[in-house]
């Protein structure tokens, strides 16, 4: 298992966090995902044999949010 903690600016409401969580949760190998308003970050626990960090970043971006740092 691996984890990534990404700054995701633009998380302004619970709808935003739900959108990010849904986009990432649907990826194969993702065990858990939490997008936090107060932290402005998204944390993902995943199996690196099934999904790459770049794929997770792409899913967050496709949901309409930037990823500043991991």
N, C-alpha and C. Protein backbone atom coordinates (compact mmCIF):
# COMPACT_ATOMS: atom_id res chain seq x y z
N UNK A 1 0.84 -1.18 0.00
CA UNK A 1 0.00 0.00 0.00
C UNK A 1 0.89 1.24 0.00
N UNK A 2 0.36 2.27 -0.62
CA UNK A 2 1.03 3.55 -0.67
C UNK A 2 -0.02 4.62 -0.36
N UNK A 3 0.44 5.81 -0.02
CA UNK A 3 -0.47 6.91 0.27
C UNK A 3 0.04 8.17 -0.42
N UNK A 4 -0.89 9.01 -0.80
CA UNK A 4 -0.55 10.31 -1.37
C UNK A 4 -1.42 11.36 -0.68
N UNK A 5 -0.80 12.49 -0.37
CA UNK A 5 -1.50 13.62 0.23
C UNK A 5 -1.26 14.80 -0.70
N UNK A 6 -2.31 15.24 -1.37
CA UNK A 6 -2.18 16.27 -2.40
C UNK A 6 -2.92 17.53 -2.01
N UNK A 7 -2.26 18.69 -2.16
CA UNK A 7 -2.95 19.97 -1.98
C UNK A 7 -3.91 20.13 -3.14
N UNK A 8 -5.16 20.35 -2.82
CA UNK A 8 -6.19 20.51 -3.85
C UNK A 8 -6.97 21.80 -3.58
N UNK A 9 -6.41 22.93 -4.02
CA UNK A 9 -7.10 24.20 -3.81
C UNK A 9 -8.41 24.21 -4.59
N UNK A 10 -9.34 24.96 -4.11
CA UNK A 10 -10.62 25.06 -4.80
C UNK A 10 -11.71 24.24 -4.14
N UNK A 11 -11.36 23.49 -3.10
CA UNK A 11 -12.38 22.75 -2.36
C UNK A 11 -13.13 23.75 -1.49
N UNK A 12 -14.32 24.15 -1.94
CA UNK A 12 -15.05 25.21 -1.26
C UNK A 12 -16.29 24.74 -0.50
N UNK A 13 -16.74 23.51 -0.81
CA UNK A 13 -17.97 23.04 -0.16
C UNK A 13 -17.96 21.51 -0.15
N UNK A 14 -18.97 20.95 0.50
CA UNK A 14 -19.05 19.49 0.59
C UNK A 14 -19.33 18.86 -0.77
N UNK A 15 -19.98 19.58 -1.66
CA UNK A 15 -20.19 19.08 -3.01
C UNK A 15 -18.84 18.92 -3.74
N UNK A 16 -17.94 19.86 -3.51
CA UNK A 16 -16.59 19.78 -4.11
C UNK A 16 -15.85 18.55 -3.60
N UNK A 17 -15.88 18.36 -2.29
CA UNK A 17 -15.15 17.21 -1.73
C UNK A 17 -15.77 15.90 -2.22
N UNK A 18 -17.09 15.86 -2.31
CA UNK A 18 -17.75 14.64 -2.81
C UNK A 18 -17.37 14.36 -4.25
N UNK A 19 -17.26 15.40 -5.05
CA UNK A 19 -16.90 15.24 -6.46
C UNK A 19 -15.49 14.64 -6.59
N UNK A 20 -14.55 15.17 -5.82
CA UNK A 20 -13.17 14.64 -5.84
C UNK A 20 -13.15 13.21 -5.33
N UNK A 21 -13.79 12.97 -4.22
CA UNK A 21 -13.79 11.62 -3.63
C UNK A 21 -14.41 10.60 -4.58
N UNK A 22 -15.50 10.94 -5.24
CA UNK A 22 -16.14 10.02 -6.19
C UNK A 22 -15.24 9.72 -7.38
N UNK A 23 -14.57 10.75 -7.88
CA UNK A 23 -13.69 10.56 -9.04
C UNK A 23 -12.53 9.63 -8.72
N UNK A 24 -11.96 9.77 -7.54
CA UNK A 24 -10.79 8.96 -7.16
C UNK A 24 -11.22 7.58 -6.68
N UNK A 25 -12.30 7.52 -5.93
CA UNK A 25 -12.77 6.24 -5.38
C UNK A 25 -13.06 5.21 -6.47
N UNK A 26 -13.43 5.67 -7.66
CA UNK A 26 -13.75 4.77 -8.76
C UNK A 26 -12.55 4.13 -9.43
N UNK A 27 -11.35 4.56 -9.07
CA UNK A 27 -10.15 3.99 -9.69
C UNK A 27 -9.82 2.63 -9.09
N UNK A 28 -9.39 1.68 -9.92
CA UNK A 28 -9.00 0.38 -9.37
C UNK A 28 -7.78 0.55 -8.46
N UNK A 29 -7.79 -0.13 -7.33
CA UNK A 29 -6.66 -0.09 -6.42
C UNK A 29 -6.77 0.96 -5.33
N UNK A 30 -7.76 1.85 -5.41
CA UNK A 30 -7.93 2.87 -4.38
C UNK A 30 -8.67 2.24 -3.20
N UNK A 31 -8.05 2.32 -2.03
CA UNK A 31 -8.62 1.74 -0.82
C UNK A 31 -9.47 2.76 -0.09
N UNK A 32 -8.97 4.00 0.02
CA UNK A 32 -9.74 5.06 0.67
C UNK A 32 -9.31 6.41 0.12
N UNK A 33 -10.22 7.36 0.19
CA UNK A 33 -9.94 8.73 -0.25
C UNK A 33 -10.73 9.68 0.63
N UNK A 34 -10.05 10.76 1.06
CA UNK A 34 -10.68 11.79 1.86
C UNK A 34 -10.25 13.15 1.35
N UNK A 35 -11.19 13.95 0.92
CA UNK A 35 -10.92 15.32 0.52
C UNK A 35 -11.39 16.21 1.67
N UNK A 36 -10.50 17.06 2.15
CA UNK A 36 -10.83 17.87 3.32
C UNK A 36 -10.90 19.35 3.03
N UNK A 37 -12.02 19.95 3.39
CA UNK A 37 -12.21 21.39 3.21
C UNK A 37 -11.22 22.19 4.05
N UNK A 38 -11.10 21.86 5.32
CA UNK A 38 -10.27 22.65 6.22
C UNK A 38 -8.79 22.59 5.84
N UNK A 39 -8.35 21.46 5.32
CA UNK A 39 -6.94 21.30 4.94
C UNK A 39 -6.70 21.70 3.49
N UNK A 40 -7.75 21.74 2.68
CA UNK A 40 -7.57 22.01 1.26
C UNK A 40 -6.70 20.95 0.62
N UNK A 41 -6.89 19.70 1.06
CA UNK A 41 -6.05 18.61 0.58
C UNK A 41 -6.87 17.34 0.42
N UNK A 42 -6.32 16.43 -0.37
CA UNK A 42 -6.93 15.13 -0.58
C UNK A 42 -5.92 14.06 -0.22
N UNK A 43 -6.34 13.10 0.58
CA UNK A 43 -5.49 11.98 0.98
C UNK A 43 -6.05 10.70 0.38
N UNK A 44 -5.14 9.91 -0.22
CA UNK A 44 -5.56 8.68 -0.88
C UNK A 44 -4.65 7.54 -0.45
N UNK A 45 -5.25 6.43 -0.02
CA UNK A 45 -4.54 5.19 0.26
C UNK A 45 -4.84 4.27 -0.90
N UNK A 46 -3.78 3.72 -1.53
CA UNK A 46 -3.98 2.94 -2.74
C UNK A 46 -2.93 1.85 -2.89
N UNK A 47 -3.23 0.88 -3.75
CA UNK A 47 -2.31 -0.19 -4.10
C UNK A 47 -1.53 0.25 -5.34
N UNK A 48 -0.24 0.54 -5.15
CA UNK A 48 0.59 1.06 -6.24
C UNK A 48 0.78 0.06 -7.38
N UNK A 49 0.41 -1.19 -7.17
CA UNK A 49 0.48 -2.19 -8.24
C UNK A 49 -0.72 -2.07 -9.19
N UNK A 50 -1.77 -1.40 -8.72
CA UNK A 50 -3.00 -1.31 -9.52
C UNK A 50 -3.28 0.08 -10.08
N UNK A 51 -2.72 1.10 -9.45
CA UNK A 51 -2.96 2.48 -9.91
C UNK A 51 -1.74 3.34 -9.60
N UNK A 52 -1.39 4.22 -10.52
CA UNK A 52 -0.24 5.11 -10.36
C UNK A 52 -0.69 6.44 -9.76
N UNK A 53 0.24 7.12 -9.09
CA UNK A 53 -0.06 8.44 -8.53
C UNK A 53 -0.52 9.39 -9.62
N UNK A 54 0.07 9.29 -10.80
CA UNK A 54 -0.29 10.16 -11.92
C UNK A 54 -1.75 9.97 -12.33
N UNK A 55 -2.24 8.75 -12.21
CA UNK A 55 -3.64 8.47 -12.53
C UNK A 55 -4.57 9.11 -11.51
N UNK A 56 -4.15 9.10 -10.27
CA UNK A 56 -4.94 9.74 -9.21
C UNK A 56 -5.00 11.25 -9.44
N UNK A 57 -3.86 11.84 -9.77
CA UNK A 57 -3.81 13.28 -10.06
C UNK A 57 -4.69 13.60 -11.26
N UNK A 58 -4.64 12.77 -12.28
CA UNK A 58 -5.46 12.99 -13.47
C UNK A 58 -6.95 12.93 -13.14
N UNK A 59 -7.35 12.05 -12.24
CA UNK A 59 -8.75 11.93 -11.85
C UNK A 59 -9.21 13.19 -11.10
N UNK A 60 -8.35 13.72 -10.23
CA UNK A 60 -8.68 14.95 -9.49
C UNK A 60 -8.81 16.11 -10.48
N UNK A 61 -7.88 16.18 -11.42
CA UNK A 61 -7.91 17.24 -12.43
C UNK A 61 -9.15 17.12 -13.30
N UNK A 62 -9.50 15.91 -13.70
CA UNK A 62 -10.69 15.69 -14.52
C UNK A 62 -11.97 16.08 -13.78
N UNK A 63 -11.93 16.01 -12.45
CA UNK A 63 -13.09 16.41 -11.64
C UNK A 63 -13.19 17.94 -11.54
N UNK A 64 -12.18 18.64 -12.07
CA UNK A 64 -12.24 20.10 -12.11
C UNK A 64 -11.40 20.82 -11.07
N UNK A 65 -10.45 20.11 -10.47
CA UNK A 65 -9.64 20.71 -9.41
C UNK A 65 -8.15 20.59 -9.73
N UNK A 66 -7.39 21.60 -9.31
CA UNK A 66 -5.95 21.57 -9.49
C UNK A 66 -5.30 20.75 -8.38
N UNK A 67 -4.12 20.24 -8.67
CA UNK A 67 -3.30 19.56 -7.69
C UNK A 67 -1.98 20.32 -7.65
N UNK A 68 -1.67 20.95 -6.51
CA UNK A 68 -0.47 21.77 -6.42
C UNK A 68 0.76 21.00 -5.95
N UNK A 69 0.60 20.11 -5.00
CA UNK A 69 1.77 19.40 -4.47
C UNK A 69 1.33 18.05 -3.92
N UNK A 70 2.27 17.13 -3.95
CA UNK A 70 1.99 15.80 -3.43
C UNK A 70 3.02 15.45 -2.38
